[in-house]
C-alpha atoms as a PDB file:
ATOM      1  CA  MET A   1       0.050   0.014  -0.031  1.00  0.00           C
ATOM      2  CA  LEU A   2       2.890   2.293   0.533  1.00  0.00           C
ATOM      3  CA  ASP A   3       4.788   1.730  -2.681  1.00  0.00           C
ATOM      4  CA  VAL A   4       4.214   4.979  -4.604  1.00  0.00           C
ATOM      5  CA  ASN A   5       4.984   2.934  -7.869  1.00  0.00           C
ATOM      6  CA  ALA A   6       2.013   0.690  -7.428  1.00  0.00           C
ATOM      7  CA  GLY A   7      -0.726   3.440  -8.399  1.00  0.00           C
ATOM      8  CA  PRO A   8      -3.117   5.374  -6.786  1.00  0.00           C
ATOM      9  CA  LEU A   9      -5.118   4.049  -3.800  1.00  0.00           C
ATOM     10  CA  ILE A  10      -8.884   3.731  -4.394  1.00  0.00           C
ATOM     11  CA  GLY A  11     -11.390   3.955  -1.640  1.00  0.00           C
ATOM     12  CA  VAL A  12     -14.752   2.256  -1.524  1.00  0.00           C
ATOM     13  CA  LYS A  13     -17.262   2.718   1.073  1.00  0.00           C
ATOM     14  CA  LEU A  14     -19.225  -0.704   1.763  1.00  0.00           C
ATOM     15  CA  HIS A  15     -22.603  -1.138   3.727  1.00  0.00           C
ATOM     16  CA  LEU A  16     -22.717  -4.730   4.673  1.00  0.00           C
ATOM     17  CA  LEU A  17     -26.381  -6.115   4.678  1.00  0.00           C
ATOM     18  CA  THR A  18     -26.673  -8.810   7.788  1.00  0.00           C
ATOM     19  CA  ARG A  19     -29.608 -10.368   9.250  1.00  0.00           C
ATOM     20  CA  LYS A  20     -29.167 -11.626  12.998  1.00  0.00           C
ATOM     21  CA  SER A  21     -31.746 -12.561  15.503  1.00  0.00           C
ATOM     22  CA  LEU A  22     -29.527 -12.196  18.674  1.00  0.00           C
ATOM     23  CA  GLY A  23     -31.742 -15.212  19.904  1.00  0.00           C
ATOM     24  CA  GLY A  24     -30.703 -18.754  19.241  1.00  0.00           C
ATOM     25  CA  ILE A  25     -30.435 -22.121  21.059  1.00  0.00           C
ATOM     26  CA  GLN A  26     -30.270 -21.819  24.802  1.00  0.00           C
ATOM     27  CA  THR A  27     -27.040 -23.113  26.174  1.00  0.00           C
ATOM     28  CA  ASP A  28     -25.308 -23.520  29.698  1.00  0.00           C
ATOM     29  CA  LEU A  29     -21.770 -22.296  30.139  1.00  0.00           C
ATOM     30  CA  SER A  30     -20.261 -25.370  28.465  1.00  0.00           C
ATOM     31  CA  SER A  31     -22.050 -24.514  25.197  1.00  0.00           C
ATOM     32  CA  ARG A  32     -24.409 -27.479  25.572  1.00  0.00           C
ATOM     33  CA  ALA A  33     -27.778 -27.134  24.014  1.00  0.00           C
ATOM     34  CA  LEU A  34     -30.614 -27.295  26.401  1.00  0.00           C
ATOM     35  CA  ASP A  35     -34.010 -28.744  26.221  1.00  0.00           C
ATOM     36  CA  ASP A  36     -37.351 -26.902  27.151  1.00  0.00           C
ATOM     37  CA  ALA A  37     -37.001 -28.087  30.731  1.00  0.00           C
ATOM     38  CA  GLY A  38     -33.406 -26.488  30.828  1.00  0.00           C
ATOM     39  CA  GLU A  39     -31.713 -29.824  30.751  1.00  0.00           C
ATOM     40  CA  PRO A  40     -28.751 -30.436  28.387  1.00  0.00           C
ATOM     41  CA  ILE A  41     -29.520 -32.442  25.363  1.00  0.00           C
ATOM     42  CA  SER A  42     -26.871 -35.199  24.958  1.00  0.00           C
ATOM     43  CA  GLY A  43     -24.322 -34.645  22.446  1.00  0.00           C
ATOM     44  CA  LEU A  44     -25.686 -31.289  21.081  1.00  0.00           C
ATOM     45  CA  TYR A  45     -23.853 -28.206  21.421  1.00  0.00           C
ATOM     46  CA  ALA A  46     -24.185 -24.712  20.201  1.00  0.00           C
ATOM     47  CA  ALA A  47     -21.862 -21.783  19.563  1.00  0.00           C
ATOM     48  CA  GLY A  48     -21.546 -18.602  17.975  1.00  0.00           C
ATOM     49  CA  GLU A  49     -24.565 -17.065  16.355  1.00  0.00           C
ATOM     50  CA  ALA A  50     -26.542 -20.275  16.756  1.00  0.00           C
ATOM     51  CA  ALA A  51     -26.298 -19.682  20.429  1.00  0.00           C
ATOM     52  CA  GLY A  52     -27.486 -15.900  20.095  1.00  0.00           C
ATOM     53  CA  PHE A  53     -23.963 -14.087  19.252  1.00  0.00           C
ATOM     54  CA  GLY A  54     -24.195 -11.929  16.195  1.00  0.00           C
ATOM     55  CA  GLY A  55     -24.380  -8.430  15.088  1.00  0.00           C
ATOM     56  CA  GLY A  56     -26.923  -5.859  15.937  1.00  0.00           C
ATOM     57  CA  GLY A  57     -29.076  -4.450  13.184  1.00  0.00           C
ATOM     58  CA  LEU A  58     -30.193  -4.771   9.556  1.00  0.00           C
ATOM     59  CA  HIS A  59     -27.282  -3.023   8.119  1.00  0.00           C
ATOM     60  CA  GLY A  60     -23.795  -3.077   9.239  1.00  0.00           C
ATOM     61  CA  TYR A  61     -23.406   0.611   9.103  1.00  0.00           C
ATOM     62  CA  ASN A  62     -26.155   0.889  11.989  1.00  0.00           C
ATOM     63  CA  SER A  63     -24.968  -1.689  13.974  1.00  0.00           C
ATOM     64  CA  PRO A  64     -21.388  -2.665  15.583  1.00  0.00           C
ATOM     65  CA  GLU A  65     -20.624  -5.574  13.169  1.00  0.00           C
ATOM     66  CA  GLY A  66     -17.680  -7.546  14.342  1.00  0.00           C
ATOM     67  CA  THR A  67     -17.857  -6.868  18.057  1.00  0.00           C
ATOM     68  CA  PHE A  68     -19.550 -10.051  18.969  1.00  0.00           C
ATOM     69  CA  LEU A  69     -16.565 -12.193  17.510  1.00  0.00           C
ATOM     70  CA  ASN A  70     -15.255 -12.331  21.029  1.00  0.00           C
ATOM     71  CA  GLY A  71     -18.381 -14.022  22.249  1.00  0.00           C
ATOM     72  CA  CYS A  72     -18.603 -16.422  19.115  1.00  0.00           C
ATOM     73  CA  ILE A  73     -14.879 -17.425  20.147  1.00  0.00           C
ATOM     74  CA  PHE A  74     -15.718 -17.719  23.669  1.00  0.00           C
ATOM     75  CA  SER A  75     -18.649 -19.997  23.022  1.00  0.00           C
ATOM     76  CA  GLY A  76     -16.605 -22.194  20.495  1.00  0.00           C
ATOM     77  CA  ARG A  77     -13.813 -22.835  22.950  1.00  0.00           C
ATOM     78  CA  ALA A  78     -16.460 -23.767  25.618  1.00  0.00           C
ATOM     79  CA  ALA A  79     -18.138 -26.179  23.394  1.00  0.00           C
ATOM     80  CA  GLY A  80     -14.726 -27.549  22.072  1.00  0.00           C
ATOM     81  CA  ARG A  81     -13.174 -28.017  25.535  1.00  0.00           C
ATOM     82  CA  ALA A  82     -16.655 -29.497  27.066  1.00  0.00           C
ATOM     83  CA  VAL A  83     -16.529 -31.975  24.012  1.00  0.00           C
ATOM     84  CA  ALA A  84     -12.950 -32.985  24.595  1.00  0.00           C
ATOM     85  CA  GLY A  85     -13.694 -33.329  28.196  1.00  0.00           C
ATOM     86  CA  THR A  86     -11.236 -30.438  29.407  1.00  0.00           C
ATOM     87  CA  SER A  87     -13.805 -28.136  30.584  1.00  0.00           C
END
């Protein structure tokens, strides 16, 4: 980008369209999916957007897209540890 011989830089403004519910599968702290009674469903885990982590609005420029990545990583890590038996 800083090479003056590479030509001019061109900026493009993007407005990303995303749809997220901020809902999802109810989980416990080990990312185990829970049934209607709040009991873990054997062998079923949910992480990231499936567990309710996601963006905030219909359009990227109206919501903090990308700010929920930590929640997605955290829930995926919790699920992986639970599956591996190291939680």
